[in-house]
Amino acid sequence: MHRAAGGGNQMQRETIMKQLEKQARYAQRSLSRDLLYQTYGQACMARQLEAITKDEFMQINHMTVYFMNTHARELEEGR
């Protein structure tokens, strides 16, 4: 992921966020703990690089970490 110049090219930021959301939804459907962790890690990096906002990061956090915590049984069965 590339750092958005000066805190953010809005179109680039939206593209990064859309990609993270797409990956998070796919990981949820796949019931893949590894993909959920991978997507969360990408969101952490995007946030660190200021490529997504704090609110956007929290949205991906909800789609990954919260999902893992609330769907633990399904994730175990999905192995």
PDB file of N, CA and C in Angstrom:
ATOM      1  N   MET A   1       0.841  -1.173   0.000  1.00  0.00           N
ATOM      2  CA  MET A   1       0.000   0.000   0.000  1.00  0.00           C
ATOM      3  C   MET A   1       0.885   1.235   0.000  1.00  0.00           C
ATOM      4  N   HIS A   2       0.428   2.257  -0.682  1.00  0.00           N
ATOM      5  CA  HIS A   2       1.214   3.474  -0.795  1.00  0.00           C
ATOM      6  C   HIS A   2       0.671   4.530   0.145  1.00  0.00           C
ATOM      7  N   ARG A   3       1.580   5.316   0.683  1.00  0.00           N
ATOM      8  CA  ARG A   3       1.176   6.409   1.553  1.00  0.00           C
ATOM      9  C   ARG A   3       0.511   7.494   0.707  1.00  0.00           C
ATOM     10  N   ALA A   4      -0.635   7.916   1.134  1.00  0.00           N
ATOM     11  CA  ALA A   4      -1.345   8.969   0.422  1.00  0.00           C
ATOM     12  C   ALA A   4      -0.630  10.295   0.682  1.00  0.00           C
ATOM     13  N   ALA A   5      -0.351  11.039  -0.364  1.00  0.00           N
ATOM     14  CA  ALA A   5       0.397  12.284  -0.250  1.00  0.00           C
ATOM     15  C   ALA A   5      -0.339  13.284   0.626  1.00  0.00           C
ATOM     16  N   GLY A   6       0.383  13.845   1.571  1.00  0.00           N
ATOM     17  CA  GLY A   6      -0.161  14.904   2.410  1.00  0.00           C
ATOM     18  C   GLY A   6      -1.375  14.501   3.209  1.00  0.00           C
ATOM     19  N   GLY A   7      -1.447  13.241   3.625  1.00  0.00           N
ATOM     20  CA  GLY A   7      -2.576  12.823   4.430  1.00  0.00           C
ATOM     21  C   GLY A   7      -3.739  12.333   3.606  1.00  0.00           C
ATOM     22  N   GLY A   8      -3.674  12.476   2.267  1.00  0.00           N
ATOM     23  CA  GLY A   8      -4.663  11.695   1.600  1.00  0.00           C
ATOM     24  C   GLY A   8      -5.295  12.131   0.323  1.00  0.00           C
ATOM     25  N   ASN A   9      -5.019  11.420  -0.674  1.00  0.00           N
ATOM     26  CA  ASN A   9      -5.754  11.465  -1.922  1.00  0.00           C
ATOM     27  C   ASN A   9      -7.041  10.686  -1.656  1.00  0.00           C
ATOM     28  N   GLN A  10      -8.180  11.360  -1.687  1.00  0.00           N
ATOM     29  CA  GLN A  10      -9.454  10.746  -1.313  1.00  0.00           C
ATOM     30  C   GLN A  10      -9.775   9.511  -2.149  1.00  0.00           C
ATOM     31  N   MET A  11      -9.517   9.562  -3.450  1.00  0.00           N
ATOM     32  CA  MET A  11      -9.834   8.420  -4.307  1.00  0.00           C
ATOM     33  C   MET A  11      -8.972   7.214  -3.931  1.00  0.00           C
ATOM     34  N   GLN A  12      -7.691   7.455  -3.680  1.00  0.00           N
ATOM     35  CA  GLN A  12      -6.793   6.360  -3.296  1.00  0.00           C
ATOM     36  C   GLN A  12      -7.230   5.770  -1.954  1.00  0.00           C
ATOM     37  N   ARG A  13      -7.611   6.622  -1.026  1.00  0.00           N
ATOM     38  CA  ARG A  13      -8.058   6.170   0.293  1.00  0.00           C
ATOM     39  C   ARG A  13      -9.304   5.299   0.159  1.00  0.00           C
ATOM     40  N   GLU A  14     -10.248   5.731  -0.672  1.00  0.00           N
ATOM     41  CA  GLU A  14     -11.470   4.948  -0.885  1.00  0.00           C
ATOM     42  C   GLU A  14     -11.150   3.602  -1.514  1.00  0.00           C
ATOM     43  N   THR A  15     -10.211   3.585  -2.452  1.00  0.00           N
ATOM     44  CA  THR A  15      -9.829   2.338  -3.110  1.00  0.00           C
ATOM     45  C   THR A  15      -9.221   1.360  -2.110  1.00  0.00           C
ATOM     46  N   ILE A  16      -8.347   1.842  -1.248  1.00  0.00           N
ATOM     47  CA  ILE A  16      -7.726   0.987  -0.227  1.00  0.00           C
ATOM     48  C   ILE A  16      -8.796   0.449   0.706  1.00  0.00           C
ATOM     49  N   MET A  17      -9.707   1.314   1.128  1.00  0.00           N
ATOM     50  CA  MET A  17     -10.761   0.890   2.049  1.00  0.00           C
ATOM     51  C   MET A  17     -11.682  -0.129   1.387  1.00  0.00           C
ATOM     52  N   LYS A  18     -12.045   0.100   0.143  1.00  0.00           N
ATOM     53  CA  LYS A  18     -12.913  -0.856  -0.568  1.00  0.00           C
ATOM     54  C   LYS A  18     -12.234  -2.218  -0.672  1.00  0.00           C
ATOM     55  N   GLN A  19     -10.940  -2.231  -0.942  1.00  0.00           N
ATOM     56  CA  GLN A  19     -10.201  -3.484  -1.045  1.00  0.00           C
ATOM     57  C   GLN A  19     -10.165  -4.199   0.308  1.00  0.00           C
ATOM     58  N   LEU A  20      -9.929  -3.461   1.378  1.00  0.00           N
ATOM     59  CA  LEU A  20      -9.911  -4.070   2.712  1.00  0.00           C
ATOM     60  C   LEU A  20     -11.284  -4.639   3.072  1.00  0.00           C
ATOM     61  N   GLU A  21     -12.341  -3.895   2.755  1.00  0.00           N
ATOM     62  CA  GLU A  21     -13.698  -4.387   3.020  1.00  0.00           C
ATOM     63  C   GLU A  21     -13.980  -5.653   2.222  1.00  0.00           C
ATOM     64  N   LYS A  22     -13.588  -5.652   0.960  1.00  0.00           N
ATOM     65  CA  LYS A  22     -13.795  -6.820   0.097  1.00  0.00           C
ATOM     66  C   LYS A  22     -13.070  -8.037   0.671  1.00  0.00           C
ATOM     67  N   GLN A  23     -11.821  -7.848   1.083  1.00  0.00           N
ATOM     68  CA  GLN A  23     -11.046  -8.947   1.660  1.00  0.00           C
ATOM     69  C   GLN A  23     -11.665  -9.435   2.970  1.00  0.00           C
ATOM     70  N   ALA A  24     -12.139  -8.510   3.791  1.00  0.00           N
ATOM     71  CA  ALA A  24     -12.743  -8.888   5.071  1.00  0.00           C
ATOM     72  C   ALA A  24     -14.017  -9.701   4.843  1.00  0.00           C
ATOM     73  N   ARG A  25     -14.847  -9.270   3.889  1.00  0.00           N
ATOM     74  CA  ARG A  25     -16.078 -10.023   3.598  1.00  0.00           C
ATOM     75  C   ARG A  25     -15.753 -11.421   3.072  1.00  0.00           C
ATOM     76  N   TYR A  26     -14.757 -11.515   2.202  1.00  0.00           N
ATOM     77  CA  TYR A  26     -14.342 -12.819   1.672  1.00  0.00           C
ATOM     78  C   TYR A  26     -13.838 -13.718   2.804  1.00  0.00           C
ATOM     79  N   ALA A  27     -13.029 -13.170   3.694  1.00  0.00           N
ATOM     80  CA  ALA A  27     -12.498 -13.947   4.821  1.00  0.00           C
ATOM     81  C   ALA A  27     -13.631 -14.429   5.725  1.00  0.00           C
ATOM     82  N   GLN A  28     -14.638 -13.572   5.937  1.00  0.00           N
ATOM     83  CA  GLN A  28     -15.795 -13.977   6.743  1.00  0.00           C
ATOM     84  C   GLN A  28     -16.538 -15.127   6.074  1.00  0.00           C
ATOM     85  N   ARG A  29     -16.819 -14.988   4.782  1.00  0.00           N
ATOM     86  CA  ARG A  29     -17.540 -16.047   4.060  1.00  0.00           C
ATOM     87  C   ARG A  29     -16.756 -17.350   4.056  1.00  0.00           C
ATOM     88  N   SER A  30     -15.439 -17.244   3.964  1.00  0.00           N
ATOM     89  CA  SER A  30     -14.570 -18.426   3.925  1.00  0.00           C
ATOM     90  C   SER A  30     -14.364 -19.047   5.298  1.00  0.00           C
ATOM     91  N   LEU A  31     -14.778 -18.328   6.333  1.00  0.00           N
ATOM     92  CA  LEU A  31     -14.531 -18.752   7.716  1.00  0.00           C
ATOM     93  C   LEU A  31     -13.050 -19.079   7.917  1.00  0.00           C
ATOM     94  N   SER A  32     -12.203 -18.183   7.395  1.00  0.00           N
ATOM     95  CA  SER A  32     -10.758 -18.372   7.467  1.00  0.00           C
ATOM     96  C   SER A  32     -10.143 -17.421   8.487  1.00  0.00           C
ATOM     97  N   ARG A  33      -9.730 -17.979   9.607  1.00  0.00           N
ATOM     98  CA  ARG A  33      -9.076 -17.182  10.646  1.00  0.00           C
ATOM     99  C   ARG A  33      -7.795 -16.543  10.081  1.00  0.00           C
ATOM    100  N   ASP A  34      -7.044 -17.295   9.279  1.00  0.00           N
ATOM    101  CA  ASP A  34      -5.802 -16.764   8.704  1.00  0.00           C
ATOM    102  C   ASP A  34      -6.068 -15.544   7.823  1.00  0.00           C
ATOM    103  N   LEU A  35      -7.092 -15.623   6.973  1.00  0.00           N
ATOM    104  CA  LEU A  35      -7.417 -14.484   6.105  1.00  0.00           C
ATOM    105  C   LEU A  35      -7.927 -13.293   6.913  1.00  0.00           C
ATOM    106  N   LEU A  36      -8.669 -13.565   7.983  1.00  0.00           N
ATOM    107  CA  LEU A  36      -9.142 -12.479   8.844  1.00  0.00           C
ATOM    108  C   LEU A  36      -7.961 -11.775   9.505  1.00  0.00           C
ATOM    109  N   TYR A  37      -7.007 -12.548  10.028  1.00  0.00           N
ATOM    110  CA  TYR A  37      -5.810 -11.953  10.632  1.00  0.00           C
ATOM    111  C   TYR A  37      -5.001 -11.176   9.595  1.00  0.00           C
ATOM    112  N   GLN A  38      -4.882 -11.735   8.397  1.00  0.00           N
ATOM    113  CA  GLN A  38      -4.116 -11.079   7.337  1.00  0.00           C
ATOM    114  C   GLN A  38      -4.749  -9.731   6.977  1.00  0.00           C
ATOM    115  N   THR A  39      -6.059  -9.717   6.847  1.00  0.00           N
ATOM    116  CA  THR A  39      -6.760  -8.476   6.515  1.00  0.00           C
ATOM    117  C   THR A  39      -6.617  -7.459   7.636  1.00  0.00           C
ATOM    118  N   TYR A  40      -6.713  -7.919   8.882  1.00  0.00           N
ATOM    119  CA  TYR A  40      -6.522  -7.024  10.028  1.00  0.00           C
ATOM    120  C   TYR A  40      -5.112  -6.427   9.995  1.00  0.00           C
ATOM    121  N   GLY A  41      -4.119  -7.250   9.707  1.00  0.00           N
ATOM    122  CA  GLY A  41      -2.741  -6.768   9.629  1.00  0.00           C
ATOM    123  C   GLY A  41      -2.563  -5.720   8.540  1.00  0.00           C
ATOM    124  N   GLN A  42      -3.210  -5.934   7.405  1.00  0.00           N
ATOM    125  CA  GLN A  42      -3.144  -4.951   6.320  1.00  0.00           C
ATOM    126  C   GLN A  42      -3.799  -3.639   6.744  1.00  0.00           C
ATOM    127  N   ALA A  43      -4.897  -3.739   7.485  1.00  0.00           N
ATOM    128  CA  ALA A  43      -5.571  -2.534   7.971  1.00  0.00           C
ATOM    129  C   ALA A  43      -4.683  -1.792   8.970  1.00  0.00           C
ATOM    130  N   CYS A  44      -3.982  -2.538   9.821  1.00  0.00           N
ATOM    131  CA  CYS A  44      -3.046  -1.911  10.771  1.00  0.00           C
ATOM    132  C   CYS A  44      -1.978  -1.129  10.020  1.00  0.00           C
ATOM    133  N   MET A  45      -1.434  -1.738   8.979  1.00  0.00           N
ATOM    134  CA  MET A  45      -0.393  -1.068   8.197  1.00  0.00           C
ATOM    135  C   MET A  45      -0.964   0.152   7.477  1.00  0.00           C
ATOM    136  N   ALA A  46      -2.143   0.005   6.893  1.00  0.00           N
ATOM    137  CA  ALA A  46      -2.768   1.131   6.192  1.00  0.00           C
ATOM    138  C   ALA A  46      -3.014   2.288   7.154  1.00  0.00           C
ATOM    139  N   ARG A  47      -3.427   1.981   8.368  1.00  0.00           N
ATOM    140  CA  ARG A  47      -3.665   3.022   9.375  1.00  0.00           C
ATOM    141  C   ARG A  47      -2.354   3.688   9.770  1.00  0.00           C
ATOM    142  N   GLN A  48      -1.324   2.876   9.970  1.00  0.00           N
ATOM    143  CA  GLN A  48      -0.014   3.404  10.350  1.00  0.00           C
ATOM    144  C   GLN A  48       0.526   4.348   9.271  1.00  0.00           C
ATOM    145  N   LEU A  49       0.258   4.023   8.021  1.00  0.00           N
ATOM    146  CA  LEU A  49       0.701   4.858   6.901  1.00  0.00           C
ATOM    147  C   LEU A  49      -0.269   6.003   6.607  1.00  0.00           C
ATOM    148  N   GLU A  50      -1.311   6.117   7.420  1.00  0.00           N
ATOM    149  CA  GLU A  50      -2.350   7.138   7.261  1.00  0.00           C
ATOM    150  C   GLU A  50      -3.073   7.023   5.920  1.00  0.00           C
ATOM    151  N   ALA A  51      -3.170   5.784   5.427  1.00  0.00           N
ATOM    152  CA  ALA A  51      -3.887   5.539   4.176  1.00  0.00           C
ATOM    153  C   ALA A  51      -5.379   5.348   4.418  1.00  0.00           C
ATOM    154  N   ILE A  52      -5.762   5.064   5.665  1.00  0.00           N
ATOM    155  CA  ILE A  52      -7.170   4.992   6.063  1.00  0.00           C
ATOM    156  C   ILE A  52      -7.322   5.771   7.368  1.00  0.00           C
ATOM    157  N   THR A  53      -8.535   6.204   7.638  1.00  0.00           N
ATOM    158  CA  THR A  53      -8.801   6.964   8.861  1.00  0.00           C
ATOM    159  C   THR A  53      -8.978   6.017  10.047  1.00  0.00           C
ATOM    160  N   LYS A  54      -9.008   6.595  11.236  1.00  0.00           N
ATOM    161  CA  LYS A  54      -9.235   5.792  12.441  1.00  0.00           C
ATOM    162  C   LYS A  54     -10.599   5.106  12.369  1.00  0.00           C
ATOM    163  N   ASP A  55     -11.615   5.831  11.915  1.00  0.00           N
ATOM    164  CA  ASP A  55     -12.955   5.243  11.800  1.00  0.00           C
ATOM    165  C   ASP A  55     -12.975   4.088  10.799  1.00  0.00           C
ATOM    166  N   GLU A  56     -12.263   4.250   9.691  1.00  0.00           N
ATOM    167  CA  GLU A  56     -12.189   3.171   8.704  1.00  0.00           C
ATOM    168  C   GLU A  56     -11.464   1.966   9.294  1.00  0.00           C
ATOM    169  N   PHE A  57     -10.389   2.230  10.037  1.00  0.00           N
ATOM    170  CA  PHE A  57      -9.670   1.138  10.687  1.00  0.00           C
ATOM    171  C   PHE A  57     -10.592   0.398  11.654  1.00  0.00           C
ATOM    172  N   MET A  58     -11.368   1.144  12.424  1.00  0.00           N
ATOM    173  CA  MET A  58     -12.270   0.512  13.391  1.00  0.00           C
ATOM    174  C   MET A  58     -13.327  -0.329  12.679  1.00  0.00           C
ATOM    175  N   GLN A  59     -13.742   0.088  11.501  1.00  0.00           N
ATOM    176  CA  GLN A  59     -14.706  -0.693  10.721  1.00  0.00           C
ATOM    177  C   GLN A  59     -14.095  -2.034  10.314  1.00  0.00           C
ATOM    178  N   ILE A  60     -12.847  -2.021   9.835  1.00  0.00           N
ATOM    179  CA  ILE A  60     -12.174  -3.267   9.454  1.00  0.00           C
ATOM    180  C   ILE A  60     -11.897  -4.104  10.697  1.00  0.00           C
ATOM    181  N   ASN A  61     -11.541  -3.455  11.793  1.00  0.00           N
ATOM    182  CA  ASN A  61     -11.338  -4.159  13.059  1.00  0.00           C
ATOM    183  C   ASN A  61     -12.606  -4.922  13.446  1.00  0.00           C
ATOM    184  N   HIS A  62     -13.750  -4.275  13.283  1.00  0.00           N
ATOM    185  CA  HIS A  62     -15.028  -4.913  13.601  1.00  0.00           C
ATOM    186  C   HIS A  62     -15.285  -6.103  12.670  1.00  0.00           C
ATOM    187  N   MET A  63     -14.930  -5.945  11.399  1.00  0.00           N
ATOM    188  CA  MET A  63     -15.171  -7.003  10.412  1.00  0.00           C
ATOM    189  C   MET A  63     -14.212  -8.181  10.574  1.00  0.00           C
ATOM    190  N   THR A  64     -13.118  -7.980  11.295  1.00  0.00           N
ATOM    191  CA  THR A  64     -12.119  -9.050  11.438  1.00  0.00           C
ATOM    192  C   THR A  64     -12.032  -9.547  12.877  1.00  0.00           C
ATOM    193  N   VAL A  65     -11.478  -8.742  13.770  1.00  0.00           N
ATOM    194  CA  VAL A  65     -11.259  -9.178  15.155  1.00  0.00           C
ATOM    195  C   VAL A  65     -12.583  -9.461  15.859  1.00  0.00           C
ATOM    196  N   TYR A  66     -13.530  -8.525  15.767  1.00  0.00           N
ATOM    197  CA  TYR A  66     -14.826  -8.736  16.410  1.00  0.00           C
ATOM    198  C   TYR A  66     -15.505  -9.976  15.834  1.00  0.00           C
ATOM    199  N   PHE A  67     -15.432 -10.129  14.511  1.00  0.00           N
ATOM    200  CA  PHE A  67     -16.019 -11.304  13.856  1.00  0.00           C
ATOM    201  C   PHE A  67     -15.402 -12.584  14.409  1.00  0.00           C
ATOM    202  N   MET A  68     -14.070 -12.609  14.555  1.00  0.00           N
ATOM    203  CA  MET A  68     -13.406 -13.808  15.095  1.00  0.00           C
ATOM    204  C   MET A  68     -13.877 -14.096  16.517  1.00  0.00           C
ATOM    205  N   ASN A  69     -14.053 -13.051  17.303  1.00  0.00           N
ATOM    206  CA  ASN A  69     -14.474 -13.234  18.695  1.00  0.00           C
ATOM    207  C   ASN A  69     -15.922 -13.689  18.819  1.00  0.00           C
ATOM    208  N   THR A  70     -16.760 -13.273  17.893  1.00  0.00           N
ATOM    209  CA  THR A  70     -18.182 -13.614  17.984  1.00  0.00           C
ATOM    210  C   THR A  70     -18.562 -14.843  17.162  1.00  0.00           C
ATOM    211  N   HIS A  71     -17.637 -15.346  16.352  1.00  0.00           N
ATOM    212  CA  HIS A  71     -17.905 -16.521  15.517  1.00  0.00           C
ATOM    213  C   HIS A  71     -16.850 -17.602  15.734  1.00  0.00           C
ATOM    214  N   ALA A  72     -16.351 -17.692  16.944  1.00  0.00           N
ATOM    215  CA  ALA A  72     -15.258 -18.632  17.246  1.00  0.00           C
ATOM    216  C   ALA A  72     -15.633 -20.069  16.893  1.00  0.00           C
ATOM    217  N   ARG A  73     -16.844 -20.474  17.232  1.00  0.00           N
ATOM    218  CA  ARG A  73     -17.264 -21.858  16.970  1.00  0.00           C
ATOM    219  C   ARG A  73     -17.274 -22.163  15.472  1.00  0.00           C
ATOM    220  N   GLU A  74     -17.864 -21.260  14.682  1.00  0.00           N
ATOM    221  CA  GLU A  74     -17.915 -21.471  13.237  1.00  0.00           C
ATOM    222  C   GLU A  74     -16.511 -21.508  12.630  1.00  0.00           C
ATOM    223  N   LEU A  75     -15.620 -20.661  13.133  1.00  0.00           N
ATOM    224  CA  LEU A  75     -14.248 -20.634  12.631  1.00  0.00           C
ATOM    225  C   LEU A  75     -13.526 -21.937  12.953  1.00  0.00           C
ATOM    226  N   GLU A  76     -13.789 -22.497  14.122  1.00  0.00           N
ATOM    227  CA  GLU A  76     -13.174 -23.781  14.489  1.00  0.00           C
ATOM    228  C   GLU A  76     -13.690 -24.893  13.575  1.00  0.00           C
ATOM    229  N   GLU A  77     -14.987 -24.875  13.296  1.00  0.00           N
ATOM    230  CA  GLU A  77     -15.584 -25.898  12.433  1.00  0.00           C
ATOM    231  C   GLU A  77     -15.122 -25.733  10.991  1.00  0.00           C
ATOM    232  N   GLY A  78     -14.806 -24.488  10.599  1.00  0.00           N
ATOM    233  CA  GLY A  78     -14.399 -24.205   9.234  1.00  0.00           C
ATOM    234  C   GLY A  78     -12.985 -24.641   8.898  1.00  0.00           C
ATOM    235  N   ARG A  79     -12.256 -25.123   9.871  1.00  0.00           N
ATOM    236  CA  ARG A  79     -10.855 -25.521   9.651  1.00  0.00           C
ATOM    237  C   ARG A  79     -10.726 -26.598   8.653  1.00  0.00           C
TER     238      ARG A  79
END
